[in-house]
Amino acid sequence: MAENIQEKRKYPRLKSLHLLSYINKEQGVQKCGVSMARTLDISPAGVRVEVYQSINPDSEMEMEIAVEENIFSVQGRVIYTEETQNSNYIIGIKFDEVSPQLASHLT
C-alpha cells in the first residue's frame, strides 16, 4: 500500500543551479571573506547550497544569488549542514524574508 505523503513546504523547491556568493556570520562575527557556492535547489523561502567549507547551523548568511541575468540580495539562517562523500558540504538556508522579486523569477 502506497503512503500518501503530503508536501509540508509552503513553496515548492525548484532543482536549479545558480551561482551564489555569500558571507557567513556567527553571532554577528564574519567568519570568512566573500565565498562562492552553487545552489542545488531553491524556493522563495530558502535554498539548498553546496559549499566547500563547513558552516555551522544557525549561522547568518548574507547572499547574492544570480538567477538568469538578475542578482538578488537575500539574508537567511543555516538550518542544517551535512558533509558529502567528496568532503564538500550541503547546507540548507531559510531566508529571513520571502523576496517577491526572487519568487517571480523562479516560476
PDB file of N, CA and C in Angstrom:
ATOM      1  N   MET A   1       0.842  -1.169   0.000  1.00  0.00           N
ATOM      2  CA  MET A   1       0.000   0.000   0.000  1.00  0.00           C
ATOM      3  C   MET A   1       0.895   1.243   0.000  1.00  0.00           C
ATOM      4  N   ALA A   2       0.684   2.135  -0.942  1.00  0.00           N
ATOM      5  CA  ALA A   2       1.485   3.352  -1.062  1.00  0.00           C
ATOM      6  C   ALA A   2       1.029   4.378  -0.031  1.00  0.00           C
ATOM      7  N   GLU A   3       1.999   5.046   0.570  1.00  0.00           N
ATOM      8  CA  GLU A   3       1.674   6.086   1.542  1.00  0.00           C
ATOM      9  C   GLU A   3       1.377   7.387   0.820  1.00  0.00           C
ATOM     10  N   ASN A   4       0.434   8.120   1.338  1.00  0.00           N
ATOM     11  CA  ASN A   4       0.113   9.426   0.798  1.00  0.00           C
ATOM     12  C   ASN A   4       0.925  10.459   1.572  1.00  0.00           C
ATOM     13  N   ILE A   5       1.990  10.931   0.974  1.00  0.00           N
ATOM     14  CA  ILE A   5       2.875  11.896   1.636  1.00  0.00           C
ATOM     15  C   ILE A   5       2.530  13.290   1.130  1.00  0.00           C
ATOM     16  N   GLN A   6       2.144  14.139   2.043  1.00  0.00           N
ATOM     17  CA  GLN A   6       1.747  15.489   1.684  1.00  0.00           C
ATOM     18  C   GLN A   6       2.942  16.431   1.832  1.00  0.00           C
ATOM     19  N   GLU A   7       3.139  17.275   0.846  1.00  0.00           N
ATOM     20  CA  GLU A   7       4.210  18.270   0.887  1.00  0.00           C
ATOM     21  C   GLU A   7       3.914  19.255   2.017  1.00  0.00           C
ATOM     22  N   LYS A   8       4.893  19.475   2.903  1.00  0.00           N
ATOM     23  CA  LYS A   8       4.706  20.372   4.033  1.00  0.00           C
ATOM     24  C   LYS A   8       5.208  21.784   3.740  1.00  0.00           C
ATOM     25  N   ARG A   9       5.980  21.939   2.685  1.00  0.00           N
ATOM     26  CA  ARG A   9       6.530  23.253   2.379  1.00  0.00           C
ATOM     27  C   ARG A   9       5.467  24.165   1.767  1.00  0.00           C
ATOM     28  N   LYS A  10       5.541  25.432   2.126  1.00  0.00           N
ATOM     29  CA  LYS A  10       4.617  26.416   1.565  1.00  0.00           C
ATOM     30  C   LYS A  10       4.961  26.689   0.101  1.00  0.00           C
ATOM     31  N   TYR A  11       6.258  26.664  -0.223  1.00  0.00           N
ATOM     32  CA  TYR A  11       6.719  26.918  -1.584  1.00  0.00           C
ATOM     33  C   TYR A  11       7.455  25.690  -2.099  1.00  0.00           C
ATOM     34  N   PRO A  12       7.183  25.251  -3.311  1.00  0.00           N
ATOM     35  CA  PRO A  12       7.906  24.091  -3.852  1.00  0.00           C
ATOM     36  C   PRO A  12       9.358  24.435  -4.140  1.00  0.00           C
ATOM     37  N   ARG A  13      10.218  23.437  -3.995  1.00  0.00           N
ATOM     38  CA  ARG A  13      11.630  23.605  -4.340  1.00  0.00           C
ATOM     39  C   ARG A  13      11.801  23.386  -5.833  1.00  0.00           C
ATOM     40  N   LEU A  14      12.611  24.208  -6.451  1.00  0.00           N
ATOM     41  CA  LEU A  14      12.953  24.027  -7.853  1.00  0.00           C
ATOM     42  C   LEU A  14      14.400  23.579  -7.922  1.00  0.00           C
ATOM     43  N   LYS A  15      14.633  22.395  -8.489  1.00  0.00           N
ATOM     44  CA  LYS A  15      16.012  21.949  -8.666  1.00  0.00           C
ATOM     45  C   LYS A  15      16.624  22.838  -9.731  1.00  0.00           C
ATOM     46  N   SER A  16      17.614  23.607  -9.328  1.00  0.00           N
ATOM     47  CA  SER A  16      18.138  24.623 -10.215  1.00  0.00           C
ATOM     48  C   SER A  16      19.545  25.018  -9.763  1.00  0.00           C
ATOM     49  N   LEU A  17      20.456  25.094 -10.706  1.00  0.00           N
ATOM     50  CA  LEU A  17      21.821  25.509 -10.407  1.00  0.00           C
ATOM     51  C   LEU A  17      21.986  26.993 -10.708  1.00  0.00           C
ATOM     52  N   HIS A  18      22.392  27.729  -9.696  1.00  0.00           N
ATOM     53  CA  HIS A  18      22.673  29.159  -9.832  1.00  0.00           C
ATOM     54  C   HIS A  18      23.937  29.452  -9.046  1.00  0.00           C
ATOM     55  N   LEU A  19      24.678  30.440  -9.484  1.00  0.00           N
ATOM     56  CA  LEU A  19      25.838  30.879  -8.713  1.00  0.00           C
ATOM     57  C   LEU A  19      25.370  31.735  -7.557  1.00  0.00           C
ATOM     58  N   LEU A  20      26.107  31.636  -6.469  1.00  0.00           N
ATOM     59  CA  LEU A  20      25.741  32.344  -5.256  1.00  0.00           C
ATOM     60  C   LEU A  20      27.029  32.797  -4.579  1.00  0.00           C
ATOM     61  N   SER A  21      27.074  34.038  -4.136  1.00  0.00           N
ATOM     62  CA  SER A  21      28.182  34.490  -3.292  1.00  0.00           C
ATOM     63  C   SER A  21      27.605  34.709  -1.898  1.00  0.00           C
ATOM     64  N   TYR A  22      28.443  34.469  -0.890  1.00  0.00           N
ATOM     65  CA  TYR A  22      27.911  34.582   0.470  1.00  0.00           C
ATOM     66  C   TYR A  22      28.980  35.054   1.434  1.00  0.00           C
ATOM     67  N   ILE A  23      28.488  35.605   2.530  1.00  0.00           N
ATOM     68  CA  ILE A  23      29.292  35.934   3.707  1.00  0.00           C
ATOM     69  C   ILE A  23      28.643  35.213   4.871  1.00  0.00           C
ATOM     70  N   ASN A  24      29.437  34.459   5.604  1.00  0.00           N
ATOM     71  CA  ASN A  24      28.984  33.669   6.742  1.00  0.00           C
ATOM     72  C   ASN A  24      29.299  34.424   8.027  1.00  0.00           C
ATOM     73  N   LYS A  25      28.284  34.611   8.872  1.00  0.00           N
ATOM     74  CA  LYS A  25      28.486  35.253  10.172  1.00  0.00           C
ATOM     75  C   LYS A  25      27.967  34.336  11.266  1.00  0.00           C
ATOM     76  N   GLU A  26      28.737  34.246  12.344  1.00  0.00           N
ATOM     77  CA  GLU A  26      28.297  33.516  13.531  1.00  0.00           C
ATOM     78  C   GLU A  26      28.246  34.502  14.688  1.00  0.00           C
ATOM     79  N   GLN A  27      27.075  34.659  15.272  1.00  0.00           N
ATOM     80  CA  GLN A  27      26.844  35.614  16.359  1.00  0.00           C
ATOM     81  C   GLN A  27      27.345  37.001  15.982  1.00  0.00           C
ATOM     82  N   GLY A  28      27.078  37.394  14.725  1.00  0.00           N
ATOM     83  CA  GLY A  28      27.425  38.718  14.243  1.00  0.00           C
ATOM     84  C   GLY A  28      28.859  38.899  13.795  1.00  0.00           C
ATOM     85  N   VAL A  29      29.704  37.868  13.938  1.00  0.00           N
ATOM     86  CA  VAL A  29      31.111  37.952  13.564  1.00  0.00           C
ATOM     87  C   VAL A  29      31.322  37.262  12.219  1.00  0.00           C
ATOM     88  N   GLN A  30      31.868  38.007  11.270  1.00  0.00           N
ATOM     89  CA  GLN A  30      32.128  37.437   9.944  1.00  0.00           C
ATOM     90  C   GLN A  30      33.209  36.372  10.046  1.00  0.00           C
ATOM     91  N   LYS A  31      32.927  35.152   9.531  1.00  0.00           N
ATOM     92  CA  LYS A  31      33.837  34.015   9.673  1.00  0.00           C
ATOM     93  C   LYS A  31      34.758  33.826   8.478  1.00  0.00           C
ATOM     94  N   CYS A  32      34.473  34.441   7.344  1.00  0.00           N
ATOM     95  CA  CYS A  32      35.318  34.291   6.162  1.00  0.00           C
ATOM     96  C   CYS A  32      35.056  35.475   5.240  1.00  0.00           C
ATOM     97  N   GLY A  33      35.885  35.587   4.222  1.00  0.00           N
ATOM     98  CA  GLY A  33      35.640  36.598   3.204  1.00  0.00           C
ATOM     99  C   GLY A  33      34.464  36.170   2.339  1.00  0.00           C
ATOM    100  N   VAL A  34      34.211  36.903   1.292  1.00  0.00           N
ATOM    101  CA  VAL A  34      33.152  36.525   0.364  1.00  0.00           C
ATOM    102  C   VAL A  34      33.542  35.217  -0.303  1.00  0.00           C
ATOM    103  N   SER A  35      32.641  34.242  -0.264  1.00  0.00           N
ATOM    104  CA  SER A  35      32.885  32.924  -0.844  1.00  0.00           C
ATOM    105  C   SER A  35      31.840  32.626  -1.900  1.00  0.00           C
ATOM    106  N   MET A  36      32.157  31.684  -2.772  1.00  0.00           N
ATOM    107  CA  MET A  36      31.246  31.294  -3.853  1.00  0.00           C
ATOM    108  C   MET A  36      30.683  29.911  -3.573  1.00  0.00           C
ATOM    109  N   ALA A  37      29.485  29.664  -4.085  1.00  0.00           N
ATOM    110  CA  ALA A  37      28.819  28.377  -3.959  1.00  0.00           C
ATOM    111  C   ALA A  37      27.883  28.212  -5.139  1.00  0.00           C
ATOM    112  N   ARG A  38      27.193  27.071  -5.153  1.00  0.00           N
ATOM    113  CA  ARG A  38      26.159  26.865  -6.171  1.00  0.00           C
ATOM    114  C   ARG A  38      24.918  26.331  -5.492  1.00  0.00           C
ATOM    115  N   THR A  39      23.780  26.748  -6.009  1.00  0.00           N
ATOM    116  CA  THR A  39      22.530  26.251  -5.453  1.00  0.00           C
ATOM    117  C   THR A  39      22.258  24.855  -6.007  1.00  0.00           C
ATOM    118  N   LEU A  40      21.580  24.042  -5.222  1.00  0.00           N
ATOM    119  CA  LEU A  40      21.114  22.729  -5.675  1.00  0.00           C
ATOM    120  C   LEU A  40      19.610  22.774  -5.916  1.00  0.00           C
ATOM    121  N   ASP A  41      18.910  23.448  -5.028  1.00  0.00           N
ATOM    122  CA  ASP A  41      17.503  23.750  -5.255  1.00  0.00           C
ATOM    123  C   ASP A  41      17.170  25.022  -4.496  1.00  0.00           C
ATOM    124  N   ILE A  42      16.082  25.651  -4.927  1.00  0.00           N
ATOM    125  CA  ILE A  42      15.750  26.966  -4.399  1.00  0.00           C
ATOM    126  C   ILE A  42      14.236  27.137  -4.402  1.00  0.00           C
ATOM    127  N   SER A  43      13.753  27.912  -3.440  1.00  0.00           N
ATOM    128  CA  SER A  43      12.355  28.319  -3.398  1.00  0.00           C
ATOM    129  C   SER A  43      12.339  29.767  -2.906  1.00  0.00           C
ATOM    130  N   PRO A  44      11.196  30.419  -2.945  1.00  0.00           N
ATOM    131  CA  PRO A  44      11.144  31.786  -2.416  1.00  0.00           C
ATOM    132  C   PRO A  44      11.441  31.866  -0.919  1.00  0.00           C
ATOM    133  N   ALA A  45      11.381  30.728  -0.206  1.00  0.00           N
ATOM    134  CA  ALA A  45      11.588  30.732   1.246  1.00  0.00           C
ATOM    135  C   ALA A  45      12.963  30.254   1.680  1.00  0.00           C
ATOM    136  N   GLY A  46      13.735  29.641   0.765  1.00  0.00           N
ATOM    137  CA  GLY A  46      15.032  29.121   1.171  1.00  0.00           C
ATOM    138  C   GLY A  46      15.777  28.484   0.020  1.00  0.00           C
ATOM    139  N   VAL A  47      16.976  27.994   0.337  1.00  0.00           N
ATOM    140  CA  VAL A  47      17.847  27.449  -0.697  1.00  0.00           C
ATOM    141  C   VAL A  47      18.709  26.340  -0.094  1.00  0.00           C
ATOM    142  N   ARG A  48      19.018  25.358  -0.913  1.00  0.00           N
ATOM    143  CA  ARG A  48      19.983  24.318  -0.532  1.00  0.00           C
ATOM    144  C   ARG A  48      21.211  24.552  -1.393  1.00  0.00           C
ATOM    145  N   VAL A  49      22.381  24.610  -0.755  1.00  0.00           N
ATOM    146  CA  VAL A  49      23.606  25.072  -1.392  1.00  0.00           C
ATOM    147  C   VAL A  49      24.731  24.075  -1.150  1.00  0.00           C
ATOM    148  N   GLU A  50      25.605  23.924  -2.150  1.00  0.00           N
ATOM    149  CA  GLU A  50      26.823  23.142  -1.981  1.00  0.00           C
ATOM    150  C   GLU A  50      27.974  24.109  -1.773  1.00  0.00           C
ATOM    151  N   VAL A  51      28.700  23.932  -0.660  1.00  0.00           N
ATOM    152  CA  VAL A  51      29.835  24.785  -0.317  1.00  0.00           C
ATOM    153  C   VAL A  51      31.061  23.904  -0.071  1.00  0.00           C
ATOM    154  N   TYR A  52      32.215  24.534   0.053  1.00  0.00           N
ATOM    155  CA  TYR A  52      33.477  23.796   0.182  1.00  0.00           C
ATOM    156  C   TYR A  52      34.105  23.919   1.556  1.00  0.00           C
ATOM    157  N   GLN A  53      33.369  24.519   2.490  1.00  0.00           N
ATOM    158  CA  GLN A  53      33.859  24.623   3.860  1.00  0.00           C
ATOM    159  C   GLN A  53      32.683  24.395   4.803  1.00  0.00           C
ATOM    160  N   SER A  54      32.969  23.924   5.986  1.00  0.00           N
ATOM    161  CA  SER A  54      31.920  23.665   6.968  1.00  0.00           C
ATOM    162  C   SER A  54      31.333  24.985   7.457  1.00  0.00           C
ATOM    163  N   ILE A  55      30.023  25.031   7.557  1.00  0.00           N
ATOM    164  CA  ILE A  55      29.319  26.196   8.098  1.00  0.00           C
ATOM    165  C   ILE A  55      28.376  25.681   9.172  1.00  0.00           C
ATOM    166  N   ASN A  56      28.460  26.259  10.336  1.00  0.00           N
ATOM    167  CA  ASN A  56      27.673  25.782  11.469  1.00  0.00           C
ATOM    168  C   ASN A  56      26.196  26.137  11.329  1.00  0.00           C
ATOM    169  N   PRO A  57      25.322  25.223  11.776  1.00  0.00           N
ATOM    170  CA  PRO A  57      23.895  25.565  11.834  1.00  0.00           C
ATOM    171  C   PRO A  57      23.695  26.821  12.686  1.00  0.00           C
ATOM    172  N   ASP A  58      22.701  27.582  12.354  1.00  0.00           N
ATOM    173  CA  ASP A  58      22.325  28.843  12.991  1.00  0.00           C
ATOM    174  C   ASP A  58      23.220  30.007  12.572  1.00  0.00           C
ATOM    175  N   SER A  59      24.163  29.773  11.637  1.00  0.00           N
ATOM    176  CA  SER A  59      24.974  30.872  11.107  1.00  0.00           C
ATOM    177  C   SER A  59      24.092  31.794  10.271  1.00  0.00           C
ATOM    178  N   GLU A  60      24.412  33.075  10.311  1.00  0.00           N
ATOM    179  CA  GLU A  60      23.717  34.060   9.480  1.00  0.00           C
ATOM    180  C   GLU A  60      24.414  34.101   8.133  1.00  0.00           C
ATOM    181  N   MET A  61      23.638  34.174   7.067  1.00  0.00           N
ATOM    182  CA  MET A  61      24.200  34.204   5.722  1.00  0.00           C
ATOM    183  C   MET A  61      23.688  35.425   4.975  1.00  0.00           C
ATOM    184  N   GLU A  62      24.618  36.197   4.423  1.00  0.00           N
ATOM    185  CA  GLU A  62      24.284  37.278   3.503  1.00  0.00           C
ATOM    186  C   GLU A  62      24.662  36.769   2.124  1.00  0.00           C
ATOM    187  N   MET A  63      23.697  36.743   1.194  1.00  0.00           N
ATOM    188  CA  MET A  63      23.920  36.103  -0.101  1.00  0.00           C
ATOM    189  C   MET A  63      23.476  36.978  -1.254  1.00  0.00           C
ATOM    190  N   GLU A  64      24.129  36.761  -2.372  1.00  0.00           N
ATOM    191  CA  GLU A  64      23.683  37.297  -3.651  1.00  0.00           C
ATOM    192  C   GLU A  64      23.547  36.106  -4.585  1.00  0.00           C
ATOM    193  N   ILE A  65      22.338  35.926  -5.128  1.00  0.00           N
ATOM    194  CA  ILE A  65      22.042  34.784  -5.977  1.00  0.00           C
ATOM    195  C   ILE A  65      21.786  35.282  -7.386  1.00  0.00           C
ATOM    196  N   ALA A  66      22.512  34.703  -8.348  1.00  0.00           N
ATOM    197  CA  ALA A  66      22.327  35.053  -9.756  1.00  0.00           C
ATOM    198  C   ALA A  66      21.284  34.128 -10.361  1.00  0.00           C
ATOM    199  N   VAL A  67      20.171  34.698 -10.809  1.00  0.00           N
ATOM    200  CA  VAL A  67      19.116  33.953 -11.492  1.00  0.00           C
ATOM    201  C   VAL A  67      18.914  34.627 -12.830  1.00  0.00           C
ATOM    202  N   GLU A  68      19.216  33.878 -13.887  1.00  0.00           N
ATOM    203  CA  GLU A  68      19.218  34.426 -15.246  1.00  0.00           C
ATOM    204  C   GLU A  68      20.164  35.614 -15.260  1.00  0.00           C
ATOM    205  N   GLU A  69      19.694  36.779 -15.650  1.00  0.00           N
ATOM    206  CA  GLU A  69      20.565  37.958 -15.705  1.00  0.00           C
ATOM    207  C   GLU A  69      20.362  38.875 -14.506  1.00  0.00           C
ATOM    208  N   ASN A  70      19.700  38.381 -13.482  1.00  0.00           N
ATOM    209  CA  ASN A  70      19.390  39.183 -12.303  1.00  0.00           C
ATOM    210  C   ASN A  70      20.171  38.678 -11.095  1.00  0.00           C
ATOM    211  N   ILE A  71      20.503  39.609 -10.203  1.00  0.00           N
ATOM    212  CA  ILE A  71      21.171  39.254  -8.946  1.00  0.00           C
ATOM    213  C   ILE A  71      20.276  39.718  -7.808  1.00  0.00           C
ATOM    214  N   PHE A  72      19.983  38.777  -6.900  1.00  0.00           N
ATOM    215  CA  PHE A  72      19.095  39.055  -5.773  1.00  0.00           C
ATOM    216  C   PHE A  72      19.887  38.968  -4.482  1.00  0.00           C
ATOM    217  N   SER A  73      19.766  40.002  -3.649  1.00  0.00           N
ATOM    218  CA  SER A  73      20.400  40.012  -2.327  1.00  0.00           C
ATOM    219  C   SER A  73      19.393  39.497  -1.318  1.00  0.00           C
ATOM    220  N   VAL A  74      19.786  38.456  -0.580  1.00  0.00           N
ATOM    221  CA  VAL A  74      18.912  37.866   0.431  1.00  0.00           C
ATOM    222  C   VAL A  74      19.736  37.548   1.678  1.00  0.00           C
ATOM    223  N   GLN A  75      19.047  37.455   2.784  1.00  0.00           N
ATOM    224  CA  GLN A  75      19.682  37.053   4.031  1.00  0.00           C
ATOM    225  C   GLN A  75      18.920  35.876   4.593  1.00  0.00           C
ATOM    226  N   GLY A  76      19.634  35.028   5.312  1.00  0.00           N
ATOM    227  CA  GLY A  76      18.980  33.869   5.889  1.00  0.00           C
ATOM    228  C   GLY A  76      19.809  33.258   7.000  1.00  0.00           C
ATOM    229  N   ARG A  77      19.335  32.104   7.463  1.00  0.00           N
ATOM    230  CA  ARG A  77      19.980  31.399   8.562  1.00  0.00           C
ATOM    231  C   ARG A  77      20.144  29.939   8.165  1.00  0.00           C
ATOM    232  N   VAL A  78      21.316  29.383   8.478  1.00  0.00           N
ATOM    233  CA  VAL A  78      21.597  27.979   8.166  1.00  0.00           C
ATOM    234  C   VAL A  78      20.757  27.100   9.094  1.00  0.00           C
ATOM    235  N   ILE A  79      19.982  26.216   8.481  1.00  0.00           N
ATOM    236  CA  ILE A  79      19.118  25.308   9.234  1.00  0.00           C
ATOM    237  C   ILE A  79      19.835  23.985   9.486  1.00  0.00           C
ATOM    238  N   TYR A  80      20.573  23.498   8.480  1.00  0.00           N
ATOM    239  CA  TYR A  80      21.314  22.238   8.645  1.00  0.00           C
ATOM    240  C   TYR A  80      22.549  22.235   7.760  1.00  0.00           C
ATOM    241  N   THR A  81      23.502  21.392   8.129  1.00  0.00           N
ATOM    242  CA  THR A  81      24.731  21.174   7.363  1.00  0.00           C
ATOM    243  C   THR A  81      24.997  19.682   7.325  1.00  0.00           C
ATOM    244  N   GLU A  82      25.365  19.174   6.152  1.00  0.00           N
ATOM    245  CA  GLU A  82      25.769  17.769   6.058  1.00  0.00           C
ATOM    246  C   GLU A  82      26.990  17.657   5.145  1.00  0.00           C
ATOM    247  N   GLU A  83      27.935  16.824   5.556  1.00  0.00           N
ATOM    248  CA  GLU A  83      29.148  16.617   4.765  1.00  0.00           C
ATOM    249  C   GLU A  83      28.869  15.576   3.692  1.00  0.00           C
ATOM    250  N   THR A  84      29.384  15.808   2.485  1.00  0.00           N
ATOM    251  CA  THR A  84      29.199  14.859   1.388  1.00  0.00           C
ATOM    252  C   THR A  84      30.380  13.896   1.348  1.00  0.00           C
ATOM    253  N   GLN A  85      30.286  12.896   0.481  1.00  0.00           N
ATOM    254  CA  GLN A  85      31.359  11.907   0.346  1.00  0.00           C
ATOM    255  C   GLN A  85      32.646  12.524  -0.193  1.00  0.00           C
ATOM    256  N   ASN A  86      32.530  13.610  -0.966  1.00  0.00           N
ATOM    257  CA  ASN A  86      33.730  14.232  -1.531  1.00  0.00           C
ATOM    258  C   ASN A  86      34.215  15.420  -0.694  1.00  0.00           C
ATOM    259  N   SER A  87      33.844  15.440   0.587  1.00  0.00           N
ATOM    260  CA  SER A  87      34.287  16.446   1.563  1.00  0.00           C
ATOM    261  C   SER A  87      33.785  17.857   1.277  1.00  0.00           C
ATOM    262  N   ASN A  88      32.739  17.995   0.478  1.00  0.00           N
ATOM    263  CA  ASN A  88      32.034  19.263   0.369  1.00  0.00           C
ATOM    264  C   ASN A  88      30.926  19.246   1.418  1.00  0.00           C
ATOM    265  N   TYR A  89      30.139  20.305   1.471  1.00  0.00           N
ATOM    266  CA  TYR A  89      29.064  20.389   2.444  1.00  0.00           C
ATOM    267  C   TYR A  89      27.795  20.860   1.750  1.00  0.00           C
ATOM    268  N   ILE A  90      26.684  20.275   2.143  1.00  0.00           N
ATOM    269  CA  ILE A  90      25.363  20.716   1.686  1.00  0.00           C
ATOM    270  C   ILE A  90      24.733  21.436   2.863  1.00  0.00           C
ATOM    271  N   ILE A  91      24.305  22.676   2.632  1.00  0.00           N
ATOM    272  CA  ILE A  91      23.662  23.425   3.710  1.00  0.00           C
ATOM    273  C   ILE A  91      22.273  23.860   3.259  1.00  0.00           C
ATOM    274  N   GLY A  92      21.365  23.838   4.208  1.00  0.00           N
ATOM    275  CA  GLY A  92      20.015  24.339   3.981  1.00  0.00           C
ATOM    276  C   GLY A  92      19.880  25.685   4.658  1.00  0.00           C
ATOM    277  N   ILE A  93      19.408  26.658   3.910  1.00  0.00           N
ATOM    278  CA  ILE A  93      19.285  28.027   4.426  1.00  0.00           C
ATOM    279  C   ILE A  93      17.835  28.478   4.295  1.00  0.00           C
ATOM    280  N   LYS A  94      17.283  28.963   5.381  1.00  0.00           N
ATOM    281  CA  LYS A  94      15.943  29.553   5.366  1.00  0.00           C
ATOM    282  C   LYS A  94      16.113  31.059   5.270  1.00  0.00           C
ATOM    283  N   PHE A  95      15.473  31.673   4.280  1.00  0.00           N
ATOM    284  CA  PHE A  95      15.557  33.117   4.123  1.00  0.00           C
ATOM    285  C   PHE A  95      14.827  33.813   5.267  1.00  0.00           C
ATOM    286  N   ASP A  96      15.354  34.974   5.678  1.00  0.00           N
ATOM    287  CA  ASP A  96      14.700  35.758   6.721  1.00  0.00           C
ATOM    288  C   ASP A  96      13.347  36.281   6.245  1.00  0.00           C
ATOM    289  N   GLU A  97      13.269  36.640   4.964  1.00  0.00           N
ATOM    290  CA  GLU A  97      12.034  37.141   4.366  1.00  0.00           C
ATOM    291  C   GLU A  97      11.897  36.552   2.972  1.00  0.00           C
ATOM    292  N   VAL A  98      10.671  36.310   2.554  1.00  0.00           N
ATOM    293  CA  VAL A  98      10.416  35.878   1.189  1.00  0.00           C
ATOM    294  C   VAL A  98      10.581  37.088   0.280  1.00  0.00           C
ATOM    295  N   SER A  99      11.366  36.939  -0.772  1.00  0.00           N
ATOM    296  CA  SER A  99      11.585  38.017  -1.728  1.00  0.00           C
ATOM    297  C   SER A  99      10.605  37.875  -2.894  1.00  0.00           C
ATOM    298  N   PRO A 100       9.638  38.787  -3.012  1.00  0.00           N
ATOM    299  CA  PRO A 100       8.697  38.692  -4.138  1.00  0.00           C
ATOM    300  C   PRO A 100       9.404  38.769  -5.495  1.00  0.00           C
ATOM    301  N   GLN A 101      10.475  39.561  -5.573  1.00  0.00           N
ATOM    302  CA  GLN A 101      11.209  39.687  -6.830  1.00  0.00           C
ATOM    303  C   GLN A 101      11.879  38.354  -7.194  1.00  0.00           C
ATOM    304  N   LEU A 102      12.504  37.712  -6.232  1.00  0.00           N
ATOM    305  CA  LEU A 102      13.113  36.417  -6.469  1.00  0.00           C
ATOM    306  C   LEU A 102      12.042  35.391  -6.826  1.00  0.00           C
ATOM    307  N   ALA A 103      10.953  35.376  -6.096  1.00  0.00           N
ATOM    308  CA  ALA A 103       9.861  34.431  -6.345  1.00  0.00           C
ATOM    309  C   ALA A 103       9.353  34.549  -7.769  1.00  0.00           C
ATOM    310  N   SER A 104       9.268  35.743  -8.289  1.00  0.00           N
ATOM    311  CA  SER A 104       8.731  35.923  -9.652  1.00  0.00           C
ATOM    312  C   SER A 104       9.682  35.363 -10.706  1.00  0.00           C
ATOM    313  N   HIS A 105      10.954  35.216 -10.392  1.00  0.00           N
ATOM    314  CA  HIS A 105      11.931  34.665 -11.344  1.00  0.00           C
ATOM    315  C   HIS A 105      12.124  33.156 -11.190  1.00  0.00           C
ATOM    316  N   LEU A 106      11.455  32.550 -10.231  1.00  0.00           N
ATOM    317  CA  LEU A 106      11.613  31.117 -10.005  1.00  0.00           C
ATOM    318  C   LEU A 106      10.471  30.298 -10.592  1.00  0.00           C
ATOM    319  N   THR A 107       9.524  30.925 -11.231  1.00  0.00           N
ATOM    320  CA  THR A 107       8.403  30.170 -11.801  1.00  0.00           C
ATOM    321  C   THR A 107       8.652  29.789 -13.237  1.00  0.00           C
TER     322      THR A 107
END
